[in-house]
């Protein structure tokens, strides 16, 4: 887990029973925060070998990320290396939802199982999971 108390606006959690890596962002998100988040997420995914991944933007208070950064991140190697694994992005706000849809379209070639939704309920339905139990990941 990356502690929000350390000034880093994200945490990583894992549901062992379902093999889901949950990545939550909070507060203001900028280009640099999002790039750092993706790097840290890749490290967590390599360590846990999840069967699915979820990025949750529900607690984001502002999203100052450029289209260029979204395109660059979409073209990078996926955090979850296996392209068959499902990825769900929870983006309740219109602004983040639009940017994540752009990410989905740009990333589709290397991440065909990516879905952008508005709520956790939709995410768990896509992953066919009821009541997931997430535990914080400890830092390496």
Protein backbone atom coordinates (compact mmCIF):
# COMPACT_ATOMS: atom_id res chain seq x y z
CA UNK A 1 0.00 0.00 0.00
CA UNK A 2 1.15 3.53 -0.66
CA UNK A 3 -0.04 5.68 2.20
CA UNK A 4 -2.06 8.81 1.53
CA UNK A 5 -0.46 10.14 4.69
CA UNK A 6 2.88 10.14 2.88
CA UNK A 7 1.49 12.76 0.49
CA UNK A 8 0.92 10.21 -2.27
CA UNK A 9 -2.71 10.17 -3.37
CA UNK A 10 -3.22 6.47 -4.02
CA UNK A 11 -3.48 3.09 -2.35
CA UNK A 12 -3.27 -0.45 -3.68
CA UNK A 13 -5.42 -3.23 -2.25
CA UNK A 14 -5.86 -6.89 -3.12
CA UNK A 15 -8.74 -9.35 -2.92
CA UNK A 16 -7.01 -12.70 -2.57
CA UNK A 17 -10.14 -14.83 -3.06
CA UNK A 18 -10.96 -13.23 -6.42
CA UNK A 19 -7.46 -12.17 -7.49
CA UNK A 20 -8.42 -8.52 -7.99
CA UNK A 21 -5.91 -5.70 -7.65
CA UNK A 22 -7.75 -2.51 -6.66
CA UNK A 23 -6.00 0.82 -7.18
CA UNK A 24 -7.65 3.89 -5.64
CA UNK A 25 -6.70 7.49 -6.35
CA UNK A 26 -7.81 10.44 -4.24
CA UNK A 27 -7.48 14.19 -4.13
CA UNK A 28 -6.07 16.22 -7.00
CA UNK A 29 -4.62 14.21 -9.89
CA UNK A 30 -2.08 15.75 -12.28
CA UNK A 31 -0.02 14.37 -15.17
CA UNK A 32 2.84 13.49 -12.83
CA UNK A 33 0.59 11.88 -10.20
CA UNK A 34 -1.06 9.70 -12.84
CA UNK A 35 2.26 8.67 -14.40
CA UNK A 36 3.68 7.79 -10.97
CA UNK A 37 0.49 5.90 -10.14
CA UNK A 38 0.82 3.76 -13.28
CA UNK A 39 4.49 2.97 -12.47
CA UNK A 40 3.62 1.98 -8.91
CA UNK A 41 0.63 -0.04 -10.13
CA UNK A 42 2.85 -2.02 -12.48
CA UNK A 43 5.13 -2.91 -9.56
CA UNK A 44 2.17 -4.06 -7.46
CA UNK A 45 0.75 -6.11 -10.34
CA UNK A 46 4.09 -7.81 -10.95
CA UNK A 47 4.23 -8.75 -7.29
CA UNK A 48 0.64 -10.01 -6.95
CA UNK A 49 -0.12 -11.56 -10.38
CA UNK A 50 -3.82 -10.58 -10.27
CA UNK A 51 -6.56 -12.09 -12.41
CA UNK A 52 -8.22 -8.67 -12.84
CA UNK A 53 -7.55 -5.02 -12.07
CA UNK A 54 -9.67 -2.07 -11.03
CA UNK A 55 -8.71 1.61 -10.96
CA UNK A 56 -11.07 3.71 -8.85
CA UNK A 57 -11.22 7.47 -9.41
CA UNK A 58 -14.20 7.96 -7.04
CA UNK A 59 -12.25 10.03 -4.51
CA UNK A 60 -10.52 12.30 -7.04
CA UNK A 61 -11.27 15.97 -6.33
CA UNK A 62 -9.70 17.47 -9.46
CA UNK A 63 -8.29 15.96 -12.64
CA UNK A 64 -5.69 18.15 -14.32
CA UNK A 65 -4.34 15.55 -16.77
CA UNK A 66 -3.59 16.34 -20.40
CA UNK A 67 -4.85 14.34 -23.36
CA UNK A 68 -1.19 13.85 -24.31
CA UNK A 69 -0.48 12.07 -21.00
CA UNK A 70 -3.55 9.86 -21.43
CA UNK A 71 -2.39 8.89 -24.92
CA UNK A 72 1.17 8.21 -23.73
CA UNK A 73 -0.02 6.00 -20.86
CA UNK A 74 -2.39 4.13 -23.17
CA UNK A 75 0.52 3.29 -25.51
CA UNK A 76 2.80 2.02 -22.73
CA UNK A 77 2.98 -1.62 -21.71
CA UNK A 78 -0.12 -2.54 -19.71
CA UNK A 79 0.10 -2.71 -15.92
CA UNK A 80 -1.49 -6.17 -16.13
CA UNK A 81 0.74 -7.88 -18.68
CA UNK A 82 -1.79 -10.48 -19.87
CA UNK A 83 -4.09 -8.75 -22.41
CA UNK A 84 -6.89 -11.25 -21.67
CA UNK A 85 -7.28 -10.04 -18.07
CA UNK A 86 -10.23 -7.80 -17.35
CA UNK A 87 -9.57 -4.21 -16.38
CA UNK A 88 -12.23 -1.91 -15.04
CA UNK A 89 -11.92 1.83 -14.49
CA UNK A 90 -14.43 3.43 -12.12
CA UNK A 91 -14.87 7.07 -13.16
CA UNK A 92 -17.97 8.70 -11.63
CA UNK A 93 -17.30 12.29 -12.76
CA UNK A 94 -18.01 13.34 -16.34
CA UNK A 95 -14.52 14.81 -16.78
CA UNK A 96 -12.64 11.70 -15.61
CA UNK A 97 -15.07 9.39 -17.42
CA UNK A 98 -14.40 11.19 -20.72
CA UNK A 99 -10.63 11.04 -20.29
CA UNK A 100 -10.74 7.37 -19.32
CA UNK A 101 -12.90 6.57 -22.35
CA UNK A 102 -10.17 8.19 -24.44
CA UNK A 103 -7.65 5.96 -22.62
CA UNK A 104 -9.86 2.93 -23.32
CA UNK A 105 -10.00 3.69 -27.05
CA UNK A 106 -6.25 4.39 -27.31
CA UNK A 107 -5.34 1.31 -25.26
CA UNK A 108 -7.78 -1.14 -26.83
CA UNK A 109 -5.15 -2.82 -29.02
CA UNK A 110 -3.09 -3.96 -26.02
CA UNK A 111 -5.92 -4.08 -23.47
CA UNK A 112 -9.02 -5.47 -25.22
CA UNK A 113 -10.72 -6.31 -21.90
CA UNK A 114 -10.85 -2.74 -20.58
CA UNK A 115 -14.14 -1.25 -19.37
CA UNK A 116 -14.89 2.26 -18.12
CA UNK A 117 -17.86 2.48 -15.74
CA UNK A 118 -19.43 4.99 -13.36
CA UNK A 119 -19.79 2.88 -10.18
CA UNK A 120 -18.34 0.04 -8.12
CA UNK A 121 -21.58 -1.89 -8.62
CA UNK A 122 -20.97 -1.88 -12.39
CA UNK A 123 -17.33 -2.90 -11.89
CA UNK A 124 -18.20 -5.90 -9.72
CA UNK A 125 -20.89 -6.96 -12.21
CA UNK A 126 -18.36 -6.95 -15.07
CA UNK A 127 -15.95 -9.00 -12.95
CA UNK A 128 -18.80 -11.29 -11.75
CA UNK A 129 -17.87 -10.66 -8.11
CA UNK A 130 -20.11 -10.06 -5.12
CA UNK A 131 -18.80 -8.41 -1.95
CA UNK A 132 -15.06 -8.43 -2.68
CA UNK A 133 -12.83 -8.23 0.40
CA UNK A 134 -9.80 -6.03 -0.15
CA UNK A 135 -6.77 -5.89 2.07
CA UNK A 136 -4.12 -3.14 1.82
CA UNK A 137 -0.89 -4.13 0.11
CA UNK A 138 2.16 -3.48 2.18
CA UNK A 139 5.00 -1.52 0.55
CA UNK A 140 7.87 -3.54 -0.86
